[in-house]
PDB file of N, CA and C in Angstrom:
ATOM      1  N   MET A   1      23.680  -4.961  -1.977  1.00  0.00           N
ATOM      2  CA  MET A   1      22.721  -6.043  -1.920  1.00  0.00           C
ATOM      3  C   MET A   1      21.410  -5.572  -2.536  1.00  0.00           C
ATOM      4  N   GLU A   2      20.637  -6.533  -2.982  1.00  0.00           N
ATOM      5  CA  GLU A   2      19.357  -6.227  -3.597  1.00  0.00           C
ATOM      6  C   GLU A   2      18.229  -6.728  -2.703  1.00  0.00           C
ATOM      7  N   TYR A   3      17.173  -5.917  -2.623  1.00  0.00           N
ATOM      8  CA  TYR A   3      16.028  -6.242  -1.786  1.00  0.00           C
ATOM      9  C   TYR A   3      14.748  -6.175  -2.608  1.00  0.00           C
ATOM     10  N   ARG A   4      13.837  -7.039  -2.262  1.00  0.00           N
ATOM     11  CA  ARG A   4      12.495  -7.046  -2.842  1.00  0.00           C
ATOM     12  C   ARG A   4      11.576  -6.412  -1.803  1.00  0.00           C
ATOM     13  N   VAL A   5      10.833  -5.395  -2.237  1.00  0.00           N
ATOM     14  CA  VAL A   5       9.986  -4.639  -1.310  1.00  0.00           C
ATOM     15  C   VAL A   5       8.545  -4.667  -1.810  1.00  0.00           C
ATOM     16  N   ARG A   6       7.631  -4.863  -0.888  1.00  0.00           N
ATOM     17  CA  ARG A   6       6.194  -4.787  -1.181  1.00  0.00           C
ATOM     18  C   ARG A   6       5.625  -3.694  -0.289  1.00  0.00           C
ATOM     19  N   VAL A   7       5.109  -2.623  -0.918  1.00  0.00           N
ATOM     20  CA  VAL A   7       4.542  -1.492  -0.190  1.00  0.00           C
ATOM     21  C   VAL A   7       3.043  -1.459  -0.449  1.00  0.00           C
ATOM     22  N   GLU A   8       2.249  -1.363   0.616  1.00  0.00           N
ATOM     23  CA  GLU A   8       0.805  -1.238   0.474  1.00  0.00           C
ATOM     24  C   GLU A   8       0.367   0.113   1.030  1.00  0.00           C
ATOM     25  N   ILE A   9      -0.340   0.873   0.194  1.00  0.00           N
ATOM     26  CA  ILE A   9      -0.849   2.183   0.566  1.00  0.00           C
ATOM     27  C   ILE A   9      -2.364   2.073   0.711  1.00  0.00           C
ATOM     28  N   SER A  10      -2.895   2.491   1.848  1.00  0.00           N
ATOM     29  CA  SER A  10      -4.345   2.445   2.067  1.00  0.00           C
ATOM     30  C   SER A  10      -4.795   3.758   2.700  1.00  0.00           C
ATOM     31  N   LEU A  11      -6.085   4.031   2.581  1.00  0.00           N
ATOM     32  CA  LEU A  11      -6.636   5.261   3.143  1.00  0.00           C
ATOM     33  C   LEU A  11      -6.762   5.172   4.662  1.00  0.00           C
ATOM     34  N   LYS A  12      -6.492   6.268   5.328  1.00  0.00           N
ATOM     35  CA  LYS A  12      -6.737   6.349   6.756  1.00  0.00           C
ATOM     36  C   LYS A  12      -8.235   6.335   6.990  1.00  0.00           C
ATOM     37  N   SER A  13      -8.646   5.867   8.165  1.00  0.00           N
ATOM     38  CA  SER A  13     -10.079   5.857   8.462  1.00  0.00           C
ATOM     39  C   SER A  13     -10.598   7.289   8.471  1.00  0.00           C
ATOM     40  N   GLY A  14     -11.834   7.435   8.029  1.00  0.00           N
ATOM     41  CA  GLY A  14     -12.441   8.750   7.961  1.00  0.00           C
ATOM     42  C   GLY A  14     -12.338   9.403   6.592  1.00  0.00           C
ATOM     43  N   HIS A  15     -11.524   8.833   5.708  1.00  0.00           N
ATOM     44  CA  HIS A  15     -11.411   9.364   4.352  1.00  0.00           C
ATOM     45  C   HIS A  15     -12.299   8.550   3.421  1.00  0.00           C
ATOM     46  N   SER A  16     -12.961   9.240   2.509  1.00  0.00           N
ATOM     47  CA  SER A  16     -13.871   8.540   1.610  1.00  0.00           C
ATOM     48  C   SER A  16     -13.091   7.700   0.602  1.00  0.00           C
ATOM     49  N   ASP A  17     -13.688   6.584   0.234  1.00  0.00           N
ATOM     50  CA  ASP A  17     -13.095   5.646  -0.727  1.00  0.00           C
ATOM     51  C   ASP A  17     -14.126   5.407  -1.829  1.00  0.00           C
ATOM     52  N   PRO A  18     -14.251   6.356  -2.776  1.00  0.00           N
ATOM     53  CA  PRO A  18     -15.295   6.225  -3.789  1.00  0.00           C
ATOM     54  C   PRO A  18     -15.160   4.962  -4.634  1.00  0.00           C
ATOM     55  N   GLU A  19     -13.942   4.541  -4.924  1.00  0.00           N
ATOM     56  CA  GLU A  19     -13.757   3.311  -5.705  1.00  0.00           C
ATOM     57  C   GLU A  19     -14.234   2.091  -4.923  1.00  0.00           C
ATOM     58  N   GLY A  20     -13.922   2.061  -3.638  1.00  0.00           N
ATOM     59  CA  GLY A  20     -14.384   0.965  -2.791  1.00  0.00           C
ATOM     60  C   GLY A  20     -15.899   0.953  -2.666  1.00  0.00           C
ATOM     61  N   GLU A  21     -16.518   2.132  -2.514  1.00  0.00           N
ATOM     62  CA  GLU A  21     -17.968   2.223  -2.404  1.00  0.00           C
ATOM     63  C   GLU A  21     -18.655   1.778  -3.695  1.00  0.00           C
ATOM     64  N   THR A  22     -18.098   2.173  -4.843  1.00  0.00           N
ATOM     65  CA  THR A  22     -18.656   1.765  -6.133  1.00  0.00           C
ATOM     66  C   THR A  22     -18.568   0.251  -6.305  1.00  0.00           C
ATOM     67  N   THR A  23     -17.438  -0.318  -5.918  1.00  0.00           N
ATOM     68  CA  THR A  23     -17.255  -1.768  -6.007  1.00  0.00           C
ATOM     69  C   THR A  23     -18.215  -2.487  -5.075  1.00  0.00           C
ATOM     70  N   LYS A  24     -18.364  -1.979  -3.854  1.00  0.00           N
ATOM     71  CA  LYS A  24     -19.300  -2.574  -2.887  1.00  0.00           C
ATOM     72  C   LYS A  24     -20.714  -2.574  -3.448  1.00  0.00           C
ATOM     73  N   LYS A  25     -21.128  -1.454  -4.018  1.00  0.00           N
ATOM     74  CA  LYS A  25     -22.469  -1.340  -4.575  1.00  0.00           C
ATOM     75  C   LYS A  25     -22.666  -2.340  -5.721  1.00  0.00           C
ATOM     76  N   ALA A  26     -21.684  -2.447  -6.609  1.00  0.00           N
ATOM     77  CA  ALA A  26     -21.781  -3.377  -7.736  1.00  0.00           C
ATOM     78  C   ALA A  26     -21.859  -4.820  -7.248  1.00  0.00           C
ATOM     79  N   LEU A  27     -21.065  -5.177  -6.269  1.00  0.00           N
ATOM     80  CA  LEU A  27     -21.095  -6.537  -5.722  1.00  0.00           C
ATOM     81  C   LEU A  27     -22.437  -6.823  -5.042  1.00  0.00           C
ATOM     82  N   PHE A  28     -22.961  -5.841  -4.317  1.00  0.00           N
ATOM     83  CA  PHE A  28     -24.257  -5.998  -3.666  1.00  0.00           C
ATOM     84  C   PHE A  28     -25.361  -6.216  -4.702  1.00  0.00           C
ATOM     85  N   GLU A  29     -25.297  -5.442  -5.798  1.00  0.00           N
ATOM     86  CA  GLU A  29     -26.285  -5.600  -6.872  1.00  0.00           C
ATOM     87  C   GLU A  29     -26.193  -6.963  -7.551  1.00  0.00           C
ATOM     88  N   LEU A  30     -24.994  -7.559  -7.510  1.00  0.00           N
ATOM     89  CA  LEU A  30     -24.802  -8.913  -8.051  1.00  0.00           C
ATOM     90  C   LEU A  30     -25.151  -9.986  -7.018  1.00  0.00           C
ATOM     91  N   LYS A  31     -25.744  -9.558  -5.902  1.00  0.00           N
ATOM     92  CA  LYS A  31     -26.243 -10.441  -4.850  1.00  0.00           C
ATOM     93  C   LYS A  31     -25.145 -11.070  -3.979  1.00  0.00           C
ATOM     94  N   TYR A  32     -23.978 -10.406  -3.902  1.00  0.00           N
ATOM     95  CA  TYR A  32     -22.951 -10.862  -2.969  1.00  0.00           C
ATOM     96  C   TYR A  32     -23.166 -10.148  -1.639  1.00  0.00           C
ATOM     97  N   PRO A  33     -23.109 -10.863  -0.515  1.00  0.00           N
ATOM     98  CA  PRO A  33     -23.371 -10.248   0.781  1.00  0.00           C
ATOM     99  C   PRO A  33     -22.150  -9.467   1.308  1.00  0.00           C
ATOM    100  N   VAL A  34     -21.761  -8.440   0.581  1.00  0.00           N
ATOM    101  CA  VAL A  34     -20.565  -7.659   0.909  1.00  0.00           C
ATOM    102  C   VAL A  34     -20.926  -6.553   1.906  1.00  0.00           C
ATOM    103  N   LYS A  35     -20.158  -6.457   2.983  1.00  0.00           N
ATOM    104  CA  LYS A  35     -20.374  -5.424   3.999  1.00  0.00           C
ATOM    105  C   LYS A  35     -19.538  -4.179   3.732  1.00  0.00           C
ATOM    106  N   ALA A  36     -18.321  -4.358   3.196  1.00  0.00           N
ATOM    107  CA  ALA A  36     -17.439  -3.217   2.938  1.00  0.00           C
ATOM    108  C   ALA A  36     -16.371  -3.619   1.929  1.00  0.00           C
ATOM    109  N   VAL A  37     -15.918  -2.632   1.175  1.00  0.00           N
ATOM    110  CA  VAL A  37     -14.790  -2.830   0.253  1.00  0.00           C
ATOM    111  C   VAL A  37     -13.864  -1.634   0.434  1.00  0.00           C
ATOM    112  N   ASN A  38     -12.597  -1.913   0.667  1.00  0.00           N
ATOM    113  CA  ASN A  38     -11.582  -0.871   0.765  1.00  0.00           C
ATOM    114  C   ASN A  38     -10.534  -1.124  -0.308  1.00  0.00           C
ATOM    115  N   VAL A  39     -10.184  -0.078  -1.023  1.00  0.00           N
ATOM    116  CA  VAL A  39      -9.205  -0.194  -2.094  1.00  0.00           C
ATOM    117  C   VAL A  39      -7.851   0.272  -1.577  1.00  0.00           C
ATOM    118  N   SER A  40      -6.804  -0.447  -1.945  1.00  0.00           N
ATOM    119  CA  SER A  40      -5.445  -0.028  -1.626  1.00  0.00           C
ATOM    120  C   SER A  40      -4.569  -0.251  -2.859  1.00  0.00           C
ATOM    121  N   LYS A  41      -3.406   0.364  -2.839  1.00  0.00           N
ATOM    122  CA  LYS A  41      -2.440   0.200  -3.920  1.00  0.00           C
ATOM    123  C   LYS A  41      -1.264  -0.600  -3.393  1.00  0.00           C
ATOM    124  N   VAL A  42      -0.715  -1.454  -4.261  1.00  0.00           N
ATOM    125  CA  VAL A  42       0.466  -2.226  -3.900  1.00  0.00           C
ATOM    126  C   VAL A  42       1.569  -1.930  -4.906  1.00  0.00           C
ATOM    127  N   TYR A  43       2.736  -1.624  -4.393  1.00  0.00           N
ATOM    128  CA  TYR A  43       3.917  -1.400  -5.217  1.00  0.00           C
ATOM    129  C   TYR A  43       4.922  -2.498  -4.913  1.00  0.00           C
ATOM    130  N   ASN A  44       5.436  -3.138  -5.946  1.00  0.00           N
ATOM    131  CA  ASN A  44       6.509  -4.122  -5.815  1.00  0.00           C
ATOM    132  C   ASN A  44       7.777  -3.479  -6.363  1.00  0.00           C
ATOM    133  N   ILE A  45       8.773  -3.356  -5.502  1.00  0.00           N
ATOM    134  CA  ILE A  45       9.981  -2.598  -5.834  1.00  0.00           C
ATOM    135  C   ILE A  45      11.203  -3.480  -5.630  1.00  0.00           C
ATOM    136  N   ARG A  46      12.169  -3.393  -6.532  1.00  0.00           N
ATOM    137  CA  ARG A  46      13.494  -4.006  -6.343  1.00  0.00           C
ATOM    138  C   ARG A  46      14.435  -2.847  -6.024  1.00  0.00           C
ATOM    139  N   LEU A  47      15.191  -2.977  -4.959  1.00  0.00           N
ATOM    140  CA  LEU A  47      15.961  -1.867  -4.423  1.00  0.00           C
ATOM    141  C   LEU A  47      17.380  -2.297  -4.088  1.00  0.00           C
ATOM    142  N   GLU A  48      18.347  -1.466  -4.435  1.00  0.00           N
ATOM    143  CA  GLU A  48      19.736  -1.680  -4.024  1.00  0.00           C
ATOM    144  C   GLU A  48      19.967  -0.941  -2.709  1.00  0.00           C
ATOM    145  N   ALA A  49      20.600  -1.617  -1.754  1.00  0.00           N
ATOM    146  CA  ALA A  49      20.932  -0.993  -0.473  1.00  0.00           C
ATOM    147  C   ALA A  49      22.115  -1.730   0.135  1.00  0.00           C
ATOM    148  N   THR A  50      22.810  -1.064   1.041  1.00  0.00           N
ATOM    149  CA  THR A  50      24.001  -1.669   1.651  1.00  0.00           C
ATOM    150  C   THR A  50      23.659  -2.653   2.766  1.00  0.00           C
ATOM    151  N   SER A  51      22.448  -2.517   3.348  1.00  0.00           N
ATOM    152  CA  SER A  51      22.030  -3.393   4.436  1.00  0.00           C
ATOM    153  C   SER A  51      20.508  -3.347   4.538  1.00  0.00           C
ATOM    154  N   LEU A  52      19.954  -4.218   5.368  1.00  0.00           N
ATOM    155  CA  LEU A  52      18.510  -4.209   5.604  1.00  0.00           C
ATOM    156  C   LEU A  52      18.089  -2.884   6.236  1.00  0.00           C
ATOM    157  N   LYS A  53      18.877  -2.389   7.172  1.00  0.00           N
ATOM    158  CA  LYS A  53      18.585  -1.109   7.817  1.00  0.00           C
ATOM    159  C   LYS A  53      18.569   0.020   6.789  1.00  0.00           C
ATOM    160  N   ASP A  54      19.543   0.025   5.889  1.00  0.00           N
ATOM    161  CA  ASP A  54      19.609   1.028   4.824  1.00  0.00           C
ATOM    162  C   ASP A  54      18.394   0.913   3.909  1.00  0.00           C
ATOM    163  N   ALA A  55      18.003  -0.316   3.569  1.00  0.00           N
ATOM    164  CA  ALA A  55      16.831  -0.546   2.709  1.00  0.00           C
ATOM    165  C   ALA A  55      15.574  -0.010   3.375  1.00  0.00           C
ATOM    166  N   LYS A  56      15.396  -0.289   4.674  1.00  0.00           N
ATOM    167  CA  LYS A  56      14.223   0.206   5.392  1.00  0.00           C
ATOM    168  C   LYS A  56      14.173   1.728   5.384  1.00  0.00           C
ATOM    169  N   GLY A  57      15.313   2.364   5.586  1.00  0.00           N
ATOM    170  CA  GLY A  57      15.374   3.820   5.564  1.00  0.00           C
ATOM    171  C   GLY A  57      14.993   4.379   4.208  1.00  0.00           C
ATOM    172  N   LYS A  58      15.494   3.740   3.140  1.00  0.00           N
ATOM    173  CA  LYS A  58      15.171   4.197   1.791  1.00  0.00           C
ATOM    174  C   LYS A  58      13.687   4.013   1.483  1.00  0.00           C
ATOM    175  N   VAL A  59      13.118   2.898   1.899  1.00  0.00           N
ATOM    176  CA  VAL A  59      11.699   2.652   1.641  1.00  0.00           C
ATOM    177  C   VAL A  59      10.836   3.646   2.425  1.00  0.00           C
ATOM    178  N   GLU A  60      11.176   3.924   3.667  1.00  0.00           N
ATOM    179  CA  GLU A  60      10.451   4.942   4.441  1.00  0.00           C
ATOM    180  C   GLU A  60      10.464   6.273   3.698  1.00  0.00           C
ATOM    181  N   GLU A  61      11.623   6.651   3.203  1.00  0.00           N
ATOM    182  CA  GLU A  61      11.757   7.914   2.477  1.00  0.00           C
ATOM    183  C   GLU A  61      10.928   7.902   1.191  1.00  0.00           C
ATOM    184  N   ILE A  62      10.976   6.797   0.452  1.00  0.00           N
ATOM    185  CA  ILE A  62      10.195   6.659  -0.782  1.00  0.00           C
ATOM    186  C   ILE A  62       8.704   6.824  -0.482  1.00  0.00           C
ATOM    187  N   CYS A  63       8.248   6.188   0.574  1.00  0.00           N
ATOM    188  CA  CYS A  63       6.830   6.282   0.944  1.00  0.00           C
ATOM    189  C   CYS A  63       6.449   7.711   1.315  1.00  0.00           C
ATOM    190  N   ARG A  64       7.254   8.336   2.135  1.00  0.00           N
ATOM    191  CA  ARG A  64       6.950   9.697   2.595  1.00  0.00           C
ATOM    192  C   ARG A  64       7.032  10.718   1.467  1.00  0.00           C
ATOM    193  N   ARG A  65       8.013  10.557   0.575  1.00  0.00           N
ATOM    194  CA  ARG A  65       8.241  11.574  -0.460  1.00  0.00           C
ATOM    195  C   ARG A  65       7.385  11.392  -1.701  1.00  0.00           C
ATOM    196  N   LEU A  66       6.951  10.161  -2.005  1.00  0.00           N
ATOM    197  CA  LEU A  66       6.274   9.950  -3.274  1.00  0.00           C
ATOM    198  C   LEU A  66       5.007   9.099  -3.200  1.00  0.00           C
ATOM    199  N   LEU A  67       5.077   7.944  -2.574  1.00  0.00           N
ATOM    200  CA  LEU A  67       3.986   6.983  -2.692  1.00  0.00           C
ATOM    201  C   LEU A  67       2.772   7.298  -1.836  1.00  0.00           C
ATOM    202  N   ALA A  68       2.972   7.840  -0.646  1.00  0.00           N
ATOM    203  CA  ALA A  68       1.864   8.058   0.292  1.00  0.00           C
ATOM    204  C   ALA A  68       1.688   9.544   0.585  1.00  0.00           C
ATOM    205  N   ASN A  69       0.439   9.943   0.692  1.00  0.00           N
ATOM    206  CA  ASN A  69       0.110  11.287   1.141  1.00  0.00           C
ATOM    207  C   ASN A  69      -0.130  11.191   2.647  1.00  0.00           C
ATOM    208  N   PRO A  70       0.726  11.784   3.463  1.00  0.00           N
ATOM    209  CA  PRO A  70       0.609  11.597   4.916  1.00  0.00           C
ATOM    210  C   PRO A  70      -0.704  12.121   5.512  1.00  0.00           C
ATOM    211  N   VAL A  71      -1.397  12.988   4.804  1.00  0.00           N
ATOM    212  CA  VAL A  71      -2.668  13.525   5.294  1.00  0.00           C
ATOM    213  C   VAL A  71      -3.757  12.458   5.234  1.00  0.00           C
ATOM    214  N   LYS A  72      -3.754  11.637   4.166  1.00  0.00           N
ATOM    215  CA  LYS A  72      -4.865  10.706   3.975  1.00  0.00           C
ATOM    216  C   LYS A  72      -4.469   9.235   3.893  1.00  0.00           C
ATOM    217  N   ASP A  73      -3.182   8.935   3.787  1.00  0.00           N
ATOM    218  CA  ASP A  73      -2.757   7.554   3.557  1.00  0.00           C
ATOM    219  C   ASP A  73      -1.980   6.950   4.718  1.00  0.00           C
ATOM    220  N   ASN A  74      -2.193   5.655   4.909  1.00  0.00           N
ATOM    221  CA  ASN A  74      -1.333   4.813   5.734  1.00  0.00           C
ATOM    222  C   ASN A  74      -0.490   3.979   4.780  1.00  0.00           C
ATOM    223  N   TYR A  75       0.658   3.533   5.244  1.00  0.00           N
ATOM    224  CA  TYR A  75       1.438   2.612   4.433  1.00  0.00           C
ATOM    225  C   TYR A  75       2.135   1.602   5.327  1.00  0.00           C
ATOM    226  N   GLU A  76       2.362   0.451   4.740  1.00  0.00           N
ATOM    227  CA  GLU A  76       3.154  -0.585   5.413  1.00  0.00           C
ATOM    228  C   GLU A  76       3.955  -1.295   4.339  1.00  0.00           C
ATOM    229  N   PHE A  77       5.077  -1.874   4.742  1.00  0.00           N
ATOM    230  CA  PHE A  77       5.906  -2.534   3.750  1.00  0.00           C
ATOM    231  C   PHE A  77       6.595  -3.760   4.335  1.00  0.00           C
ATOM    232  N   GLU A  78       6.975  -4.641   3.419  1.00  0.00           N
ATOM    233  CA  GLU A  78       7.737  -5.849   3.735  1.00  0.00           C
ATOM    234  C   GLU A  78       8.975  -5.831   2.872  1.00  0.00           C
ATOM    235  N   ILE A  79      10.099  -6.217   3.450  1.00  0.00           N
ATOM    236  CA  ILE A  79      11.365  -6.250   2.718  1.00  0.00           C
ATOM    237  C   ILE A  79      11.989  -7.614   2.874  1.00  0.00           C
ATOM    238  N   GLU A  80      12.507  -8.149   1.765  1.00  0.00           N
ATOM    239  CA  GLU A  80      13.286  -9.386   1.854  1.00  0.00           C
ATOM    240  C   GLU A  80      14.482  -9.263   0.929  1.00  0.00           C
ATOM    241  N   GLU A  81      15.575  -9.820   1.369  1.00  0.00           N
ATOM    242  CA  GLU A  81      16.801  -9.797   0.571  1.00  0.00           C
ATOM    243  C   GLU A  81      16.658 -10.773  -0.592  1.00  0.00           C
ATOM    244  N   VAL A  82      17.101 -10.342  -1.769  1.00  0.00           N
ATOM    245  CA  VAL A  82      17.108 -11.217  -2.935  1.00  0.00           C
ATOM    246  C   VAL A  82      18.439 -11.978  -2.899  1.00  0.00           C
ATOM    247  N   LYS A  83      18.354 -13.291  -2.877  1.00  0.00           N
ATOM    248  CA  LYS A  83      19.582 -14.112  -2.786  1.00  0.00           C
ATOM    249  C   LYS A  83      20.074 -14.478  -4.148  1.00  0.00           C
TER     250      LYS A  83
END
């Protein structure tokens, strides 16, 4: 079966986000009342798996081994079967 996966990687609290800070500063200078900007990455993946459980296991492994740095990143994902 084929699954559509959306993975979002974001920084854990306490880690600096220079891109978010730069964006916040630029928006503030443009007179937008921005309090905070946090940057995250989104990966859209098409995945073959034998079941939803198998797909979840593969996505967890993908996140741990490649997409997220466990020291500084959080991740969450959504999976849906492609019909």
